[in-house]
Amino acid sequence: MKGEPHGEGGRGAGDRAPNAGRTVLRLRIHPVKGARGSDVDQMDFDEVGPRFDRRWMVVGADGVFVSQRGRPELATVRVTVAGEELILQAPGAGTVAVAVAPEGGRVG
């Protein structure tokens, strides 16, 4: 019947369960918005999604969010989580470890 999402008669012959035949190749989190992410072996979830994923952002001295659009070099900053620290590494800038602040708190 015209207008049905899967052709005449409903479901097509090639339709499967939503996740059938799919494989997860890697898990990646991006702790700091706009920075490079890092692969993880496992992903824990809490009430707002993957733990440590996009929970922090870079802000300028004026308190305004710094985006990758405005500062493309942010994409070169690699961020990993080690225990209760964020480890930030950037080419030519070395490594900085920052303690993770309590929920909603400021870091650095």
Protein backbone atom coordinates (compact mmCIF):
# COMPACT_ATOMS: atom_id res chain seq x y z
CA MET A 1 0.00 0.00 0.00
CA LYS A 2 1.39 3.40 -0.97
CA GLY A 3 2.69 5.46 1.93
CA GLU A 4 3.58 2.55 4.20
CA PRO A 5 7.15 2.84 5.53
CA HIS A 6 8.25 -0.66 4.45
CA GLY A 7 6.51 -1.06 1.11
CA GLU A 8 3.38 -3.04 0.45
CA GLY A 9 2.08 -5.07 3.32
CA GLY A 10 4.22 -3.55 6.10
CA ARG A 11 7.63 -4.94 7.12
CA GLY A 12 10.02 -5.73 4.30
CA ALA A 13 11.83 -9.02 3.90
CA GLY A 14 15.14 -7.41 4.91
CA ASP A 15 13.84 -5.95 8.17
CA ARG A 16 15.43 -7.27 11.36
CA ALA A 17 15.37 -6.45 15.02
CA PRO A 18 16.81 -2.92 15.51
CA ASN A 19 20.25 -4.09 16.71
CA ALA A 20 20.56 -7.43 14.93
CA GLY A 21 23.89 -7.92 13.21
CA ARG A 22 25.51 -4.79 14.65
CA THR A 23 28.84 -4.78 16.45
CA VAL A 24 30.34 -2.08 18.65
CA LEU A 25 33.86 -1.44 17.36
CA ARG A 26 34.98 1.02 20.02
CA LEU A 27 33.74 3.10 22.93
CA ARG A 28 34.82 6.73 23.01
CA ILE A 29 34.14 9.55 25.44
CA HIS A 30 34.82 13.27 25.09
CA PRO A 31 35.18 14.56 28.68
CA VAL A 32 35.74 18.19 27.60
CA LYS A 33 33.37 19.65 25.01
CA GLY A 34 35.24 20.42 21.80
CA ALA A 35 38.42 18.53 22.76
CA ARG A 36 39.55 15.18 21.35
CA GLY A 37 38.01 12.15 22.91
CA SER A 38 39.61 8.97 24.11
CA ASP A 39 38.75 5.32 23.70
CA VAL A 40 37.62 3.45 26.82
CA ASP A 41 37.39 -0.26 27.56
CA GLN A 42 34.02 0.09 29.25
CA MET A 43 31.40 2.79 29.57
CA ASP A 44 29.48 3.47 32.75
CA PHE A 45 26.20 5.37 32.69
CA ASP A 46 24.48 7.60 35.20
CA GLU A 47 21.23 9.56 35.13
CA VAL A 48 22.45 11.95 32.40
CA GLY A 49 24.25 9.52 30.09
CA PRO A 50 27.76 8.11 29.70
CA ARG A 51 29.83 8.97 32.77
CA PHE A 52 32.57 11.54 32.06
CA ASP A 53 31.24 12.28 28.55
CA ARG A 54 31.02 16.02 27.77
CA ARG A 55 30.79 16.96 31.44
CA TRP A 56 33.34 19.78 31.28
CA MET A 57 33.92 22.78 29.06
CA VAL A 58 36.66 25.32 28.58
CA VAL A 59 35.69 28.88 29.51
CA GLY A 60 37.62 32.09 29.05
CA ALA A 61 38.52 34.56 31.81
CA ASP A 62 35.14 36.19 31.11
CA GLY A 63 33.33 32.94 31.92
CA VAL A 64 32.17 32.45 28.31
CA PHE A 65 32.33 28.95 26.76
CA VAL A 66 35.27 28.45 24.36
CA SER A 67 34.14 26.40 21.36
CA GLN A 68 36.09 24.45 18.79
CA ARG A 69 34.48 26.67 16.16
CA GLY A 70 36.16 29.73 17.67
CA ARG A 71 39.37 27.94 18.69
CA PRO A 72 40.01 25.04 16.27
CA GLU A 73 43.18 24.07 18.16
CA LEU A 74 40.92 22.77 20.93
CA ALA A 75 40.50 19.67 18.73
CA THR A 76 44.17 18.81 19.33
CA VAL A 77 43.76 18.61 23.12
CA ARG A 78 43.54 14.96 24.17
CA VAL A 79 41.63 14.37 27.40
CA THR A 80 41.60 11.19 29.44
CA VAL A 81 40.16 10.40 32.85
CA ALA A 82 42.47 8.78 35.39
CA GLY A 83 40.74 8.11 38.68
CA GLU A 84 39.58 11.50 39.93
CA GLU A 85 41.72 13.54 37.52
CA LEU A 86 41.36 14.85 34.01
CA ILE A 87 44.61 14.50 32.09
CA LEU A 88 44.92 17.08 29.30
CA GLN A 89 47.65 16.79 26.66
CA ALA A 90 48.26 19.16 23.76
CA PRO A 91 51.02 19.13 21.14
CA GLY A 92 53.84 21.40 22.27
CA ALA A 93 52.12 22.20 25.56
CA GLY A 94 52.87 19.13 27.65
CA THR A 95 50.49 17.47 30.09
CA VAL A 96 48.28 18.95 32.79
CA ALA A 97 46.40 16.97 35.45
CA VAL A 98 43.32 18.63 36.95
CA ALA A 99 41.32 17.27 39.89
CA VAL A 100 37.71 16.49 39.01
CA ALA A 101 35.40 18.88 40.85
CA PRO A 102 32.18 17.78 42.54
CA GLU A 103 29.05 17.83 40.35
CA GLY A 104 28.46 21.40 39.19
CA GLY A 105 31.74 22.72 40.60
CA ARG A 106 34.51 24.57 38.82
CA VAL A 107 37.79 22.90 37.89
CA GLY A 108 41.00 24.94 37.82
